[in-house]
């Protein structure tokens, strides 16, 4: 739980905004509260360095068993990082390869590829929201190749919004 709190704190402090696409999208509205400029040169930030030291200690504690991890340590590999638009290198990164992961790479680093999981939905939704596309438009407006009489799914009736919020009714692994 401590690790999750640190990540949430990092997200809040460094101005990352995440909004569910199920909520109405507000445009041209400043956020409530004082405006804070976007941080720069994160790698030299005292606060970020302290926070990432705490996160690193928590991760190591979870991996060595002194903190209850909440996941299958031996079967889980991951990469975490804090990046900034101002730098081409991450301000902080942590890589872990679960000992039970016998397939694939023997070493994880910033170039490792992973099977994506549910967390990527947040990133995808953020990209969709920031892109300025019409989220009420049918998926086929942007992916016309999905128009097919052979598909079980009527893609022209599914909006970007309903697809990204998993409210489209499409069953898992359906073509």
C-alpha atoms as a PDB file:
ATOM      1  CA  UNK A   1       0.000   0.000   0.000  1.00  0.00           C
ATOM      2  CA  UNK A   2       2.901   2.321   0.773  1.00  0.00           C
ATOM      3  CA  UNK A   3       4.234   1.825  -2.762  1.00  0.00           C
ATOM      4  CA  UNK A   4       0.856   2.685  -4.257  1.00  0.00           C
ATOM      5  CA  UNK A   5       0.664   5.830  -2.103  1.00  0.00           C
ATOM      6  CA  UNK A   6       4.108   6.911  -3.332  1.00  0.00           C
ATOM      7  CA  UNK A   7       3.098   6.424  -6.967  1.00  0.00           C
ATOM      8  CA  UNK A   8      -0.140   8.354  -6.413  1.00  0.00           C
ATOM      9  CA  UNK A   9       1.847  11.101  -4.702  1.00  0.00           C
ATOM     10  CA  UNK A  10       4.253  11.289  -7.644  1.00  0.00           C
ATOM     11  CA  UNK A  11       1.377  11.480 -10.108  1.00  0.00           C
ATOM     12  CA  UNK A  12      -0.291  14.260  -8.103  1.00  0.00           C
ATOM     13  CA  UNK A  13       2.812  16.325  -7.464  1.00  0.00           C
ATOM     14  CA  UNK A  14       4.118  16.228 -10.996  1.00  0.00           C
ATOM     15  CA  UNK A  15       0.860  17.303 -12.556  1.00  0.00           C
ATOM     16  CA  UNK A  16      -0.128  14.173 -14.421  1.00  0.00           C
ATOM     17  CA  UNK A  17      -3.847  14.312 -14.903  1.00  0.00           C
ATOM     18  CA  UNK A  18      -5.895  11.199 -15.423  1.00  0.00           C
ATOM     19  CA  UNK A  19      -9.567  11.440 -16.201  1.00  0.00           C
ATOM     20  CA  UNK A  20     -11.932   8.598 -16.900  1.00  0.00           C
ATOM     21  CA  UNK A  21     -13.506   8.894 -20.331  1.00  0.00           C
ATOM     22  CA  UNK A  22     -16.807   7.912 -18.721  1.00  0.00           C
ATOM     23  CA  UNK A  23     -16.902  11.424 -17.297  1.00  0.00           C
ATOM     24  CA  UNK A  24     -17.715  14.338 -19.592  1.00  0.00           C
ATOM     25  CA  UNK A  25     -14.606  15.875 -21.107  1.00  0.00           C
ATOM     26  CA  UNK A  26     -14.193  19.489 -20.039  1.00  0.00           C
ATOM     27  CA  UNK A  27     -12.308  21.676 -22.457  1.00  0.00           C
ATOM     28  CA  UNK A  28     -10.875  25.147 -21.928  1.00  0.00           C
ATOM     29  CA  UNK A  29     -11.512  24.905 -18.202  1.00  0.00           C
ATOM     30  CA  UNK A  30      -8.596  25.542 -15.872  1.00  0.00           C
ATOM     31  CA  UNK A  31      -8.279  23.068 -13.019  1.00  0.00           C
ATOM     32  CA  UNK A  32      -9.609  24.145  -9.655  1.00  0.00           C
ATOM     33  CA  UNK A  33      -7.046  25.474  -7.216  1.00  0.00           C
ATOM     34  CA  UNK A  34      -3.790  27.294  -7.726  1.00  0.00           C
ATOM     35  CA  UNK A  35      -1.981  26.842 -11.007  1.00  0.00           C
ATOM     36  CA  UNK A  36       1.455  25.349 -10.657  1.00  0.00           C
ATOM     37  CA  UNK A  37       3.990  25.419 -13.488  1.00  0.00           C
ATOM     38  CA  UNK A  38       5.073  22.116 -14.961  1.00  0.00           C
ATOM     39  CA  UNK A  39       8.228  20.920 -13.217  1.00  0.00           C
ATOM     40  CA  UNK A  40      11.472  20.925 -15.158  1.00  0.00           C
ATOM     41  CA  UNK A  41      14.736  19.042 -14.743  1.00  0.00           C
ATOM     42  CA  UNK A  42      13.145  16.269 -12.698  1.00  0.00           C
ATOM     43  CA  UNK A  43      16.420  14.359 -12.374  1.00  0.00           C
ATOM     44  CA  UNK A  44      17.750  17.148 -10.125  1.00  0.00           C
ATOM     45  CA  UNK A  45      14.563  17.487  -8.061  1.00  0.00           C
ATOM     46  CA  UNK A  46      15.247  16.919  -4.365  1.00  0.00           C
ATOM     47  CA  UNK A  47      11.632  15.929  -3.815  1.00  0.00           C
ATOM     48  CA  UNK A  48      11.664  13.436  -6.688  1.00  0.00           C
ATOM     49  CA  UNK A  49      14.958  11.941  -5.523  1.00  0.00           C
ATOM     50  CA  UNK A  50      13.578  11.462  -2.001  1.00  0.00           C
ATOM     51  CA  UNK A  51      10.324  10.005  -3.343  1.00  0.00           C
ATOM     52  CA  UNK A  52      12.074   7.586  -5.700  1.00  0.00           C
ATOM     53  CA  UNK A  53      14.409   6.471  -2.909  1.00  0.00           C
ATOM     54  CA  UNK A  54      11.310   5.647  -0.834  1.00  0.00           C
ATOM     55  CA  UNK A  55       9.680   3.842  -3.762  1.00  0.00           C
ATOM     56  CA  UNK A  56      12.878   1.897  -4.456  1.00  0.00           C
ATOM     57  CA  UNK A  57      13.131   0.906  -0.781  1.00  0.00           C
ATOM     58  CA  UNK A  58       9.485  -0.199  -0.795  1.00  0.00           C
ATOM     59  CA  UNK A  59       9.958  -2.250  -3.960  1.00  0.00           C
ATOM     60  CA  UNK A  60      13.069  -3.906  -2.544  1.00  0.00           C
ATOM     61  CA  UNK A  61      11.189  -4.585   0.690  1.00  0.00           C
ATOM     62  CA  UNK A  62       8.400  -6.248  -1.284  1.00  0.00           C
ATOM     63  CA  UNK A  63      10.881  -8.276  -3.296  1.00  0.00           C
ATOM     64  CA  UNK A  64      12.861  -9.485  -0.265  1.00  0.00           C
ATOM     65  CA  UNK A  65       9.731 -10.277   1.764  1.00  0.00           C
ATOM     66  CA  UNK A  66      10.005  -7.634   4.492  1.00  0.00           C
ATOM     67  CA  UNK A  67       6.876  -5.966   3.051  1.00  0.00           C
ATOM     68  CA  UNK A  68       3.882  -7.950   1.808  1.00  0.00           C
ATOM     69  CA  UNK A  69       4.085  -7.507  -1.960  1.00  0.00           C
ATOM     70  CA  UNK A  70       0.515  -8.266  -3.006  1.00  0.00           C
ATOM     71  CA  UNK A  71       1.653  -9.994  -6.194  1.00  0.00           C
ATOM     72  CA  UNK A  72       3.456 -13.185  -7.176  1.00  0.00           C
ATOM     73  CA  UNK A  73       7.036 -11.940  -6.902  1.00  0.00           C
ATOM     74  CA  UNK A  74       8.615 -14.917  -8.684  1.00  0.00           C
ATOM     75  CA  UNK A  75       6.238 -14.646 -11.642  1.00  0.00           C
ATOM     76  CA  UNK A  76       6.221 -10.884 -12.095  1.00  0.00           C
ATOM     77  CA  UNK A  77       8.595  -8.768 -14.145  1.00  0.00           C
ATOM     78  CA  UNK A  78       8.192  -5.021 -14.459  1.00  0.00           C
ATOM     79  CA  UNK A  79       9.747  -1.717 -15.359  1.00  0.00           C
ATOM     80  CA  UNK A  80       8.777   1.525 -13.654  1.00  0.00           C
ATOM     81  CA  UNK A  81       9.948   4.967 -14.606  1.00  0.00           C
ATOM     82  CA  UNK A  82       9.452   8.695 -14.271  1.00  0.00           C
ATOM     83  CA  UNK A  83       9.903  10.609 -17.499  1.00  0.00           C
ATOM     84  CA  UNK A  84       9.709  14.236 -18.504  1.00  0.00           C
ATOM     85  CA  UNK A  85       9.166  16.038 -21.781  1.00  0.00           C
ATOM     86  CA  UNK A  86      12.342  18.011 -21.119  1.00  0.00           C
ATOM     87  CA  UNK A  87      14.696  15.029 -21.192  1.00  0.00           C
ATOM     88  CA  UNK A  88      15.274  12.076 -23.467  1.00  0.00           C
ATOM     89  CA  UNK A  89      16.322   9.889 -20.526  1.00  0.00           C
ATOM     90  CA  UNK A  90      14.139   8.862 -17.579  1.00  0.00           C
ATOM     91  CA  UNK A  91      14.574  10.820 -14.343  1.00  0.00           C
ATOM     92  CA  UNK A  92      14.222   7.477 -12.497  1.00  0.00           C
ATOM     93  CA  UNK A  93      13.707   3.875 -13.465  1.00  0.00           C
ATOM     94  CA  UNK A  94      13.487   0.493 -11.790  1.00  0.00           C
ATOM     95  CA  UNK A  95      13.556  -2.899 -13.486  1.00  0.00           C
ATOM     96  CA  UNK A  96      12.746  -6.305 -12.026  1.00  0.00           C
ATOM     97  CA  UNK A  97      12.680  -9.735 -13.642  1.00  0.00           C
ATOM     98  CA  UNK A  98      10.792 -12.378 -11.727  1.00  0.00           C
ATOM     99  CA  UNK A  99      12.902 -15.484 -11.133  1.00  0.00           C
ATOM    100  CA  UNK A 100       9.978 -17.642 -12.276  1.00  0.00           C
ATOM    101  CA  UNK A 101       9.865 -15.996 -15.699  1.00  0.00           C
ATOM    102  CA  UNK A 102      11.768 -18.605 -17.660  1.00  0.00           C
ATOM    103  CA  UNK A 103      10.661 -17.580 -21.153  1.00  0.00           C
ATOM    104  CA  UNK A 104      11.896 -14.520 -22.967  1.00  0.00           C
ATOM    105  CA  UNK A 105      14.687 -12.222 -21.985  1.00  0.00           C
ATOM    106  CA  UNK A 106      17.102 -13.023 -19.196  1.00  0.00           C
ATOM    107  CA  UNK A 107      17.561  -9.340 -18.290  1.00  0.00           C
ATOM    108  CA  UNK A 108      14.998  -6.529 -18.135  1.00  0.00           C
ATOM    109  CA  UNK A 109      15.926  -2.941 -18.880  1.00  0.00           C
ATOM    110  CA  UNK A 110      14.425   0.167 -20.486  1.00  0.00           C
ATOM    111  CA  UNK A 111      14.300  -1.589 -23.868  1.00  0.00           C
ATOM    112  CA  UNK A 112      12.475  -4.699 -22.657  1.00  0.00           C
ATOM    113  CA  UNK A 113       9.108  -5.528 -24.159  1.00  0.00           C
ATOM    114  CA  UNK A 114       6.214  -6.715 -22.013  1.00  0.00           C
ATOM    115  CA  UNK A 115       2.789  -8.172 -22.548  1.00  0.00           C
ATOM    116  CA  UNK A 116       0.472  -5.300 -21.791  1.00  0.00           C
ATOM    117  CA  UNK A 117      -2.052  -5.430 -18.989  1.00  0.00           C
ATOM    118  CA  UNK A 118      -4.906  -3.383 -17.623  1.00  0.00           C
ATOM    119  CA  UNK A 119      -2.727  -0.460 -16.587  1.00  0.00           C
ATOM    120  CA  UNK A 120      -2.193   0.415 -20.243  1.00  0.00           C
ATOM    121  CA  UNK A 121      -5.879   1.273 -20.550  1.00  0.00           C
ATOM    122  CA  UNK A 122      -5.214   4.432 -18.573  1.00  0.00           C
ATOM    123  CA  UNK A 123      -2.406   5.449 -20.915  1.00  0.00           C
ATOM    124  CA  UNK A 124      -4.490   4.687 -23.999  1.00  0.00           C
ATOM    125  CA  UNK A 125      -7.437   6.678 -22.651  1.00  0.00           C
ATOM    126  CA  UNK A 126      -5.164   9.608 -21.832  1.00  0.00           C
ATOM    127  CA  UNK A 127      -3.767   9.568 -25.378  1.00  0.00           C
ATOM    128  CA  UNK A 128      -7.294   9.446 -26.813  1.00  0.00           C
ATOM    129  CA  UNK A 129      -8.388  12.375 -24.647  1.00  0.00           C
ATOM    130  CA  UNK A 130      -5.300  14.455 -25.440  1.00  0.00           C
ATOM    131  CA  UNK A 131      -5.494  13.716 -29.195  1.00  0.00           C
ATOM    132  CA  UNK A 132      -8.587  15.832 -29.678  1.00  0.00           C
ATOM    133  CA  UNK A 133     -10.451  13.176 -31.656  1.00  0.00           C
ATOM    134  CA  UNK A 134     -14.212  13.015 -31.382  1.00  0.00           C
ATOM    135  CA  UNK A 135     -14.783  10.338 -28.743  1.00  0.00           C
ATOM    136  CA  UNK A 136     -18.477  10.159 -29.666  1.00  0.00           C
ATOM    137  CA  UNK A 137     -17.631   9.170 -33.256  1.00  0.00           C
ATOM    138  CA  UNK A 138     -17.872   5.541 -34.332  1.00  0.00           C
ATOM    139  CA  UNK A 139     -14.656   3.538 -34.276  1.00  0.00           C
ATOM    140  CA  UNK A 140     -14.926   3.093 -38.058  1.00  0.00           C
ATOM    141  CA  UNK A 141     -14.349   6.821 -38.585  1.00  0.00           C
ATOM    142  CA  UNK A 142     -10.723   6.272 -37.532  1.00  0.00           C
ATOM    143  CA  UNK A 143     -10.374   2.589 -38.437  1.00  0.00           C
ATOM    144  CA  UNK A 144     -12.431   2.147 -41.629  1.00  0.00           C
ATOM    145  CA  UNK A 145     -10.947  -1.317 -42.206  1.00  0.00           C
ATOM    146  CA  UNK A 146     -13.171  -2.553 -39.358  1.00  0.00           C
ATOM    147  CA  UNK A 147     -16.224  -2.129 -41.603  1.00  0.00           C
ATOM    148  CA  UNK A 148     -16.874  -5.726 -42.537  1.00  0.00           C
ATOM    149  CA  UNK A 149     -19.936  -7.852 -43.111  1.00  0.00           C
ATOM    150  CA  UNK A 150     -18.045 -10.890 -41.835  1.00  0.00           C
ATOM    151  CA  UNK A 151     -17.452  -9.415 -38.351  1.00  0.00           C
ATOM    152  CA  UNK A 152     -19.774 -10.360 -35.502  1.00  0.00           C
ATOM    153  CA  UNK A 153     -19.378  -6.822 -34.193  1.00  0.00           C
ATOM    154  CA  UNK A 154     -21.129  -3.799 -35.681  1.00  0.00           C
ATOM    155  CA  UNK A 155     -18.138  -1.494 -35.352  1.00  0.00           C
ATOM    156  CA  UNK A 156     -19.976   1.437 -36.937  1.00  0.00           C
ATOM    157  CA  UNK A 157     -22.309   1.417 -33.895  1.00  0.00           C
ATOM    158  CA  UNK A 158     -19.505   1.529 -31.319  1.00  0.00           C
ATOM    159  CA  UNK A 159     -18.098   4.880 -30.243  1.00  0.00           C
ATOM    160  CA  UNK A 160     -14.501   5.546 -29.227  1.00  0.00           C
ATOM    161  CA  UNK A 161     -15.829   6.451 -25.770  1.00  0.00           C
ATOM    162  CA  UNK A 162     -17.755   3.203 -25.279  1.00  0.00           C
ATOM    163  CA  UNK A 163     -14.775   1.204 -26.518  1.00  0.00           C
ATOM    164  CA  UNK A 164     -12.292   2.899 -24.190  1.00  0.00           C
ATOM    165  CA  UNK A 165     -14.565   2.595 -21.156  1.00  0.00           C
ATOM    166  CA  UNK A 166     -15.300  -1.076 -21.868  1.00  0.00           C
ATOM    167  CA  UNK A 167     -19.009  -0.331 -22.228  1.00  0.00           C
ATOM    168  CA  UNK A 168     -19.271  -1.392 -25.883  1.00  0.00           C
ATOM    169  CA  UNK A 169     -20.450  -4.923 -25.100  1.00  0.00           C
ATOM    170  CA  UNK A 170     -17.652  -6.561 -27.074  1.00  0.00           C
ATOM    171  CA  UNK A 171     -16.738  -9.916 -25.549  1.00  0.00           C
ATOM    172  CA  UNK A 172     -13.095 -10.650 -24.743  1.00  0.00           C
ATOM    173  CA  UNK A 173     -10.918 -11.848 -27.650  1.00  0.00           C
ATOM    174  CA  UNK A 174     -13.661 -11.338 -30.200  1.00  0.00           C
ATOM    175  CA  UNK A 175     -12.867 -10.382 -33.805  1.00  0.00           C
END
